[in-house]
């Protein structure tokens, strides 16, 4: 669900950063700014995202969750890489479904962060939930000049 609110400078940086991510471009995931100042990941499930059963591949869901958690860290101006990631799958996601992955910060440390992600459809049905630990590489945007 797209917002018409003006986006913040950090949201603009996140969208541009993810637009340069070759894998996200390859799977056609979209970084979308949201009203709370963060960014969520959205994907229309197409045949290239599915497995032999006609449902989304678990790896595609893990990619979205990992990236959504990374976006939540970026919104805190922290550039991170994944140390650990686990996911619970509640329901299969059929083709043509538009799914939305959100990220939330649980712990915001100097060297590590703990985040979670939920993947839902536009009606709010929960398909998967992830939990991850991330290593902080440094600041995402140098805002010392501002």
C-alpha atoms as a PDB file:
ATOM      1  CA  UNK A   1       0.000   0.000   0.000  1.00  0.00           C
ATOM      2  CA  UNK A   2       1.639   3.209  -1.167  1.00  0.00           C
ATOM      3  CA  UNK A   3       1.577   6.386   0.899  1.00  0.00           C
ATOM      4  CA  UNK A   4       1.179   9.906  -0.455  1.00  0.00           C
ATOM      5  CA  UNK A   5       2.971  11.493   2.510  1.00  0.00           C
ATOM      6  CA  UNK A   6       6.245  13.293   1.826  1.00  0.00           C
ATOM      7  CA  UNK A   7       9.175  11.024   2.583  1.00  0.00           C
ATOM      8  CA  UNK A   8      12.075  11.799   4.870  1.00  0.00           C
ATOM      9  CA  UNK A   9      15.661  12.168   3.716  1.00  0.00           C
ATOM     10  CA  UNK A  10      16.638   8.815   5.292  1.00  0.00           C
ATOM     11  CA  UNK A  11      13.679   7.087   3.581  1.00  0.00           C
ATOM     12  CA  UNK A  12      14.822   8.520   0.246  1.00  0.00           C
ATOM     13  CA  UNK A  13      18.349   7.201   0.899  1.00  0.00           C
ATOM     14  CA  UNK A  14      16.965   3.739   1.752  1.00  0.00           C
ATOM     15  CA  UNK A  15      14.803   3.571  -1.401  1.00  0.00           C
ATOM     16  CA  UNK A  16      17.767   4.654  -3.566  1.00  0.00           C
ATOM     17  CA  UNK A  17      20.064   2.177  -1.766  1.00  0.00           C
ATOM     18  CA  UNK A  18      17.696  -0.738  -2.385  1.00  0.00           C
ATOM     19  CA  UNK A  19      17.055   0.349  -5.970  1.00  0.00           C
ATOM     20  CA  UNK A  20      20.777  -0.291  -6.547  1.00  0.00           C
ATOM     21  CA  UNK A  21      20.548  -3.791  -5.003  1.00  0.00           C
ATOM     22  CA  UNK A  22      20.860  -6.208  -7.952  1.00  0.00           C
ATOM     23  CA  UNK A  23      19.101  -9.102  -6.218  1.00  0.00           C
ATOM     24  CA  UNK A  24      16.073  -7.046  -5.171  1.00  0.00           C
ATOM     25  CA  UNK A  25      15.804  -5.680  -8.692  1.00  0.00           C
ATOM     26  CA  UNK A  26      16.064  -9.237 -10.032  1.00  0.00           C
ATOM     27  CA  UNK A  27      13.152 -10.503  -7.920  1.00  0.00           C
ATOM     28  CA  UNK A  28      11.159  -7.272  -8.506  1.00  0.00           C
ATOM     29  CA  UNK A  29      10.825  -6.335  -4.823  1.00  0.00           C
ATOM     30  CA  UNK A  30       9.983  -2.717  -4.160  1.00  0.00           C
ATOM     31  CA  UNK A  31      11.098  -0.570  -1.214  1.00  0.00           C
ATOM     32  CA  UNK A  32       8.145   1.591  -0.185  1.00  0.00           C
ATOM     33  CA  UNK A  33       8.341   4.402   2.417  1.00  0.00           C
ATOM     34  CA  UNK A  34       5.713   4.232   5.177  1.00  0.00           C
ATOM     35  CA  UNK A  35       4.224   6.848   7.484  1.00  0.00           C
ATOM     36  CA  UNK A  36       6.242   5.793  10.558  1.00  0.00           C
ATOM     37  CA  UNK A  37       9.489   6.888   8.876  1.00  0.00           C
ATOM     38  CA  UNK A  38      10.527   3.409   7.811  1.00  0.00           C
ATOM     39  CA  UNK A  39      10.466   1.427   4.608  1.00  0.00           C
ATOM     40  CA  UNK A  40       8.657  -1.821   3.871  1.00  0.00           C
ATOM     41  CA  UNK A  41       9.328  -4.313   1.085  1.00  0.00           C
ATOM     42  CA  UNK A  42       6.537  -5.260  -1.293  1.00  0.00           C
ATOM     43  CA  UNK A  43       6.381  -8.047  -3.845  1.00  0.00           C
ATOM     44  CA  UNK A  44       3.793  -9.340  -6.286  1.00  0.00           C
ATOM     45  CA  UNK A  45       4.257 -13.114  -6.232  1.00  0.00           C
ATOM     46  CA  UNK A  46       4.857 -14.272  -9.800  1.00  0.00           C
ATOM     47  CA  UNK A  47       5.801 -17.625 -11.293  1.00  0.00           C
ATOM     48  CA  UNK A  48       9.553 -16.980 -10.905  1.00  0.00           C
ATOM     49  CA  UNK A  49       9.063 -16.683  -7.115  1.00  0.00           C
ATOM     50  CA  UNK A  50       7.306 -20.042  -6.751  1.00  0.00           C
ATOM     51  CA  UNK A  51       8.357 -23.622  -6.211  1.00  0.00           C
ATOM     52  CA  UNK A  52       7.004 -26.744  -7.910  1.00  0.00           C
ATOM     53  CA  UNK A  53       3.839 -26.553  -5.779  1.00  0.00           C
ATOM     54  CA  UNK A  54       2.856 -23.139  -7.184  1.00  0.00           C
ATOM     55  CA  UNK A  55       3.468 -21.305  -3.921  1.00  0.00           C
ATOM     56  CA  UNK A  56       6.190 -18.820  -3.070  1.00  0.00           C
ATOM     57  CA  UNK A  57       9.595 -20.334  -2.355  1.00  0.00           C
ATOM     58  CA  UNK A  58      10.714 -20.016   1.267  1.00  0.00           C
ATOM     59  CA  UNK A  59      13.965 -18.427   0.133  1.00  0.00           C
ATOM     60  CA  UNK A  60      12.041 -15.540  -1.433  1.00  0.00           C
ATOM     61  CA  UNK A  61      10.240 -14.960   1.875  1.00  0.00           C
ATOM     62  CA  UNK A  62      13.539 -15.077   3.764  1.00  0.00           C
ATOM     63  CA  UNK A  63      15.020 -12.552   1.324  1.00  0.00           C
ATOM     64  CA  UNK A  64      12.130 -10.151   1.892  1.00  0.00           C
ATOM     65  CA  UNK A  65      12.283 -10.534   5.678  1.00  0.00           C
ATOM     66  CA  UNK A  66      16.068 -10.090   5.773  1.00  0.00           C
ATOM     67  CA  UNK A  67      15.838  -6.978   3.624  1.00  0.00           C
ATOM     68  CA  UNK A  68      12.932  -5.508   5.609  1.00  0.00           C
ATOM     69  CA  UNK A  69      14.902  -5.954   8.825  1.00  0.00           C
ATOM     70  CA  UNK A  70      17.897  -4.333   7.142  1.00  0.00           C
ATOM     71  CA  UNK A  71      15.660  -1.408   6.155  1.00  0.00           C
ATOM     72  CA  UNK A  72      14.552  -0.995   9.775  1.00  0.00           C
ATOM     73  CA  UNK A  73      18.229  -0.807  10.789  1.00  0.00           C
ATOM     74  CA  UNK A  74      18.939   1.683   7.990  1.00  0.00           C
ATOM     75  CA  UNK A  75      16.053   3.832   9.273  1.00  0.00           C
ATOM     76  CA  UNK A  76      18.050   4.027  12.543  1.00  0.00           C
ATOM     77  CA  UNK A  77      21.013   5.128  10.381  1.00  0.00           C
ATOM     78  CA  UNK A  78      22.880   1.853  10.860  1.00  0.00           C
ATOM     79  CA  UNK A  79      24.335  -0.209   8.030  1.00  0.00           C
ATOM     80  CA  UNK A  80      24.167  -3.912   8.973  1.00  0.00           C
ATOM     81  CA  UNK A  81      24.874  -7.425   7.733  1.00  0.00           C
ATOM     82  CA  UNK A  82      23.034 -10.546   8.831  1.00  0.00           C
ATOM     83  CA  UNK A  83      24.610 -12.776  11.476  1.00  0.00           C
ATOM     84  CA  UNK A  84      21.655 -15.074  12.132  1.00  0.00           C
ATOM     85  CA  UNK A  85      18.173 -15.401  10.665  1.00  0.00           C
ATOM     86  CA  UNK A  86      15.293 -17.732  11.484  1.00  0.00           C
ATOM     87  CA  UNK A  87      11.777 -17.826  10.120  1.00  0.00           C
ATOM     88  CA  UNK A  88       8.450 -19.410  10.980  1.00  0.00           C
ATOM     89  CA  UNK A  89       6.149 -20.069   8.022  1.00  0.00           C
ATOM     90  CA  UNK A  90       2.446 -19.961   8.944  1.00  0.00           C
ATOM     91  CA  UNK A  91       0.705 -20.205   5.557  1.00  0.00           C
ATOM     92  CA  UNK A  92       1.695 -20.776   1.964  1.00  0.00           C
ATOM     93  CA  UNK A  93       1.558 -17.718  -0.296  1.00  0.00           C
ATOM     94  CA  UNK A  94      -0.132 -18.348  -3.639  1.00  0.00           C
ATOM     95  CA  UNK A  95       0.895 -16.789  -6.915  1.00  0.00           C
ATOM     96  CA  UNK A  96      -0.483 -13.302  -7.699  1.00  0.00           C
ATOM     97  CA  UNK A  97      -0.614 -12.340  -3.997  1.00  0.00           C
ATOM     98  CA  UNK A  98       0.936  -8.975  -3.126  1.00  0.00           C
ATOM     99  CA  UNK A  99       2.934  -9.431   0.056  1.00  0.00           C
ATOM    100  CA  UNK A 100       4.392  -6.807   2.376  1.00  0.00           C
ATOM    101  CA  UNK A 101       7.424  -7.352   4.602  1.00  0.00           C
ATOM    102  CA  UNK A 102       7.937  -5.027   7.547  1.00  0.00           C
ATOM    103  CA  UNK A 103      10.867  -4.808   9.929  1.00  0.00           C
ATOM    104  CA  UNK A 104      11.016  -3.771  13.578  1.00  0.00           C
ATOM    105  CA  UNK A 105      13.972  -3.146  15.881  1.00  0.00           C
ATOM    106  CA  UNK A 106      13.962  -5.129  19.136  1.00  0.00           C
ATOM    107  CA  UNK A 107      17.506  -4.245  20.277  1.00  0.00           C
ATOM    108  CA  UNK A 108      19.612  -1.361  18.988  1.00  0.00           C
ATOM    109  CA  UNK A 109      23.155  -1.919  20.213  1.00  0.00           C
ATOM    110  CA  UNK A 110      26.431  -0.337  19.215  1.00  0.00           C
ATOM    111  CA  UNK A 111      27.806  -3.520  17.593  1.00  0.00           C
ATOM    112  CA  UNK A 112      24.729  -5.697  17.089  1.00  0.00           C
ATOM    113  CA  UNK A 113      21.016  -5.272  16.491  1.00  0.00           C
ATOM    114  CA  UNK A 114      18.117  -7.690  16.943  1.00  0.00           C
ATOM    115  CA  UNK A 115      15.168  -7.262  14.610  1.00  0.00           C
ATOM    116  CA  UNK A 116      12.000  -9.031  13.565  1.00  0.00           C
ATOM    117  CA  UNK A 117       9.958  -9.076  10.391  1.00  0.00           C
ATOM    118  CA  UNK A 118       6.405  -9.967   9.486  1.00  0.00           C
ATOM    119  CA  UNK A 119       5.197 -10.839   6.016  1.00  0.00           C
ATOM    120  CA  UNK A 120       1.517 -10.200   5.381  1.00  0.00           C
ATOM    121  CA  UNK A 121      -0.799  -9.690   2.441  1.00  0.00           C
ATOM    122  CA  UNK A 122      -2.665  -6.431   1.839  1.00  0.00           C
ATOM    123  CA  UNK A 123      -5.598  -7.689   3.950  1.00  0.00           C
ATOM    124  CA  UNK A 124      -3.257  -8.280   6.906  1.00  0.00           C
ATOM    125  CA  UNK A 125      -3.050 -12.083   6.839  1.00  0.00           C
ATOM    126  CA  UNK A 126       0.226 -13.203   8.444  1.00  0.00           C
ATOM    127  CA  UNK A 127       2.209 -15.650   6.286  1.00  0.00           C
ATOM    128  CA  UNK A 128       5.617 -15.679   7.983  1.00  0.00           C
ATOM    129  CA  UNK A 129       7.556 -14.132  10.836  1.00  0.00           C
ATOM    130  CA  UNK A 130      11.348 -13.835  11.073  1.00  0.00           C
ATOM    131  CA  UNK A 131      13.867 -12.984  13.760  1.00  0.00           C
ATOM    132  CA  UNK A 132      17.417 -11.905  13.083  1.00  0.00           C
ATOM    133  CA  UNK A 133      20.654 -10.734  14.635  1.00  0.00           C
ATOM    134  CA  UNK A 134      22.709  -8.239  12.669  1.00  0.00           C
ATOM    135  CA  UNK A 135      26.239  -6.870  12.940  1.00  0.00           C
ATOM    136  CA  UNK A 136      26.529  -3.086  12.728  1.00  0.00           C
ATOM    137  CA  UNK A 137      29.087  -2.032  10.089  1.00  0.00           C
ATOM    138  CA  UNK A 138      28.701   1.695  10.736  1.00  0.00           C
ATOM    139  CA  UNK A 139      26.489   4.630   9.910  1.00  0.00           C
ATOM    140  CA  UNK A 140      24.324   4.451   6.796  1.00  0.00           C
ATOM    141  CA  UNK A 141      24.288   8.183   6.075  1.00  0.00           C
ATOM    142  CA  UNK A 142      26.931  10.631   7.257  1.00  0.00           C
ATOM    143  CA  UNK A 143      24.688  13.200   8.868  1.00  0.00           C
ATOM    144  CA  UNK A 144      27.465  14.967  10.807  1.00  0.00           C
ATOM    145  CA  UNK A 145      27.393  17.863   8.320  1.00  0.00           C
ATOM    146  CA  UNK A 146      23.678  18.489   8.883  1.00  0.00           C
END
